[in-house]
Protein backbone atom coordinates (compact mmCIF):
# COMPACT_ATOMS: atom_id res chain seq x y z
CA MET A 1 -19.01 103.77 65.71
CA LYS A 2 -18.60 103.33 69.43
CA THR A 3 -18.77 106.41 71.67
CA ILE A 4 -16.95 106.58 75.01
CA ILE A 5 -19.24 108.17 77.52
CA ASP A 6 -17.64 107.54 80.90
CA GLY A 7 -14.04 108.27 79.80
CA SER A 8 -12.82 104.95 81.17
CA ARG A 9 -11.24 103.84 77.95
CA PHE A 10 -7.68 105.13 77.52
CA ASN A 11 -4.87 104.29 75.23
CA ARG A 12 -2.56 101.80 76.93
CA ARG A 13 0.52 103.83 75.86
CA GLU A 14 -0.62 106.77 77.99
CA ASN A 15 -0.91 104.65 81.15
CA SER A 16 2.30 102.67 80.81
CA GLY A 17 5.64 103.90 82.25
CA PHE A 18 8.79 104.81 80.39
CA THR A 19 10.16 102.44 77.79
CA LEU A 20 13.58 100.88 78.13
CA LEU A 21 14.86 103.04 75.29
CA GLU A 22 13.72 106.25 77.02
CA MET A 23 15.42 105.16 80.25
CA LEU A 24 18.67 104.41 78.40
CA VAL A 25 18.61 107.83 76.72
CA VAL A 26 18.20 109.52 80.13
CA LEU A 27 21.06 107.45 81.60
CA VAL A 28 23.35 108.37 78.69
CA ILE A 29 22.55 112.07 79.18
CA ILE A 30 23.27 111.82 82.93
CA GLY A 31 26.52 109.98 82.16
CA LEU A 32 27.61 112.73 79.76
CA LEU A 33 26.85 115.42 82.34
CA VAL A 34 28.82 113.58 85.04
CA SER A 35 31.79 113.08 82.71
CA MET A 36 31.90 116.81 81.99
CA VAL A 37 31.37 118.03 85.57
CA GLY A 38 33.25 115.27 87.47
CA PRO A 39 36.82 116.35 86.62
CA ARG A 40 36.07 119.92 87.69
CA LEU A 41 34.73 118.72 91.04
CA PHE A 42 37.74 116.47 91.65
CA SER A 43 40.15 119.32 90.95
CA LYS A 44 38.31 121.34 93.61
CA VAL A 45 38.78 118.46 96.07
CA ASP A 46 42.54 118.51 95.45
CA ALA A 47 42.66 122.29 95.92
CA ALA A 48 40.67 121.94 99.16
CA LYS A 49 43.16 119.38 100.48
CA ILE A 50 46.05 121.74 99.76
CA GLN A 51 44.25 124.58 101.57
CA THR A 52 43.46 122.27 104.50
CA ALA A 53 47.11 121.25 104.80
CA ALA A 54 48.23 124.90 104.77
CA ALA A 55 45.66 125.75 107.47
CA GLN A 56 46.69 122.81 109.63
CA VAL A 57 50.36 123.77 109.33
CA LYS A 58 49.48 127.27 110.56
CA LEU A 59 47.44 125.82 113.44
CA LEU A 60 50.27 123.50 114.46
CA ARG A 61 52.78 126.33 114.15
CA GLY A 62 50.69 128.45 116.53
CA ALA A 63 50.42 125.57 119.00
CA ILE A 64 54.20 125.04 118.92
CA GLU A 65 54.84 128.74 119.51
CA THR A 66 52.36 128.81 122.42
CA MET A 67 54.05 125.79 123.96
CA ARG A 68 57.48 127.36 123.51
CA LEU A 69 56.31 130.42 125.41
CA ASP A 70 55.35 128.16 128.31
CA ILE A 71 58.36 125.84 128.45
CA ASN A 72 60.91 128.13 126.75
CA VAL A 73 62.14 125.49 124.26
CA TYR A 74 60.97 124.02 120.98
CA PRO A 75 60.31 120.27 120.82
CA SER A 76 63.36 118.20 119.96
CA ALA A 77 63.39 115.91 116.93
CA GLU A 78 62.70 112.95 119.25
CA GLN A 79 59.77 114.69 120.97
CA GLY A 80 58.38 116.06 117.72
CA LEU A 81 54.77 117.16 117.58
CA LYS A 82 53.82 114.64 120.32
CA LEU A 83 54.91 117.28 122.84
CA LEU A 84 51.82 119.28 121.89
CA VAL A 85 49.53 116.66 123.43
CA GLU A 86 51.78 114.73 125.85
CA ALA A 87 53.62 116.22 128.81
CA PRO A 88 57.42 116.15 128.52
CA ALA A 89 59.36 113.46 130.36
CA ASP A 90 61.94 116.03 131.49
CA PRO A 91 61.15 116.91 135.15
CA VAL A 92 62.42 120.47 134.59
CA LEU A 93 59.89 121.09 131.78
CA GLN A 94 56.91 119.26 133.30
CA PRO A 95 55.82 122.00 135.74
CA ARG A 96 55.91 124.66 133.00
CA TRP A 97 54.04 122.58 130.40
CA LYS A 98 50.43 123.87 130.31
CA GLY A 99 49.14 121.50 127.65
CA PRO A 100 47.70 119.84 125.85
CA TYR A 101 48.05 122.53 123.21
CA LEU A 102 45.69 120.77 120.78
CA GLU A 103 42.14 119.68 121.53
CA GLU A 104 42.74 116.26 119.98
CA ALA A 105 45.70 114.20 118.79
CA VAL A 106 48.14 115.70 116.31
CA PRO A 107 46.29 115.50 112.98
CA LEU A 108 47.56 113.74 109.90
CA ASP A 109 47.75 115.76 106.71
CA PRO A 110 44.79 115.49 104.28
CA TRP A 111 46.53 112.57 102.53
CA SER A 112 46.79 110.64 105.84
CA ASN A 113 50.54 111.20 106.26
CA PRO A 114 52.18 112.69 109.36
CA TYR A 115 53.37 116.29 109.25
CA GLN A 116 57.13 116.69 109.12
CA TYR A 117 58.78 118.64 111.94
CA GLN A 118 62.41 119.73 112.14
CA PRO A 119 63.57 121.56 115.27
CA PRO A 120 65.55 124.78 115.01
CA GLU A 121 69.20 124.40 114.18
CA SER A 122 71.86 125.89 116.42
CA GLY A 123 72.38 128.82 114.04
CA GLY A 124 69.18 130.50 115.22
CA LYS A 125 67.15 129.23 112.25
CA PRO A 126 63.44 128.61 112.89
CA PHE A 127 61.80 125.22 113.18
CA ILE A 128 60.32 123.77 110.01
CA LEU A 129 56.89 122.21 109.70
CA TYR A 130 55.49 120.87 106.43
CA SER A 131 53.51 118.18 104.62
CA PHE A 132 54.93 116.12 101.78
CA GLY A 133 51.75 116.72 99.75
CA ALA A 134 49.66 114.19 97.84
CA ASP A 135 52.52 111.86 96.89
CA GLY A 136 53.85 111.55 100.47
CA LYS A 137 57.43 112.11 99.22
CA PRO A 138 59.75 115.14 99.37
CA GLY A 139 59.55 117.55 96.47
CA GLY A 140 57.04 117.34 93.67
CA THR A 141 54.90 119.74 91.70
CA GLY A 142 51.21 120.55 91.61
CA ASN A 143 49.25 118.41 94.08
CA ASP A 144 52.44 116.52 94.93
CA ALA A 145 54.30 119.67 96.03
CA ASP A 146 55.33 119.94 99.65
CA ILE A 147 53.27 122.36 101.73
CA GLY A 148 54.89 124.05 104.68
CA LEU A 149 55.85 127.06 106.67
CA SER A 150 58.86 127.98 108.73
CA THR A 151 58.54 130.27 111.71
CA LEU A 152 60.19 133.21 109.99
CA PRO A 153 59.02 134.71 106.69
CA GLY A 154 61.37 133.87 103.84
CA ALA A 155 63.28 131.22 105.79
CA ALA A 156 64.50 128.35 103.69
CA LEU A 157 62.67 125.06 103.82
CA PRO A 158 64.37 121.74 103.08
CA THR A 159 65.39 121.25 99.47
CA GLY A 160 62.38 120.78 97.24
CA THR A 161 59.95 122.14 99.84
CA PRO A 162 58.20 125.30 98.61
CA ALA A 163 56.42 127.53 101.10
CA ALA A 164 52.67 127.15 101.33
CA PRO A 165 50.53 129.52 99.24
């Protein structure tokens, strides 16, 4: 019987790496974990986009109100939200415009669509500012629901446009 004195003789199995079968088992386990956790993470992303849109609408609303205090009028439909970052062409309004009222360009909503702006109507109704939501179309439910605020609490938004949470 041969005796190992220096300990230099080891079983080859102990020195080799993982087998292909062991690696496949680990990959299957990781795949199962991702398939269970992934949908929960993606639903959080959708909720974060909705919250971001609501926050941006509030920010834009505040910028519009600040600008109105300076120039004494809301932007027209033609001027839209551009008036927050570009001086008006009207020579009467130019000296009173203290903008830009946003640090950067008017942002797109989280789904890369422009925010919708409707100036106040003649009946004293407030302006309306909203996002079409994930589908980019009016109306919808869930992630596709429109997200918006008017300047007065409880004021009606366009048909199919619920107020932001």
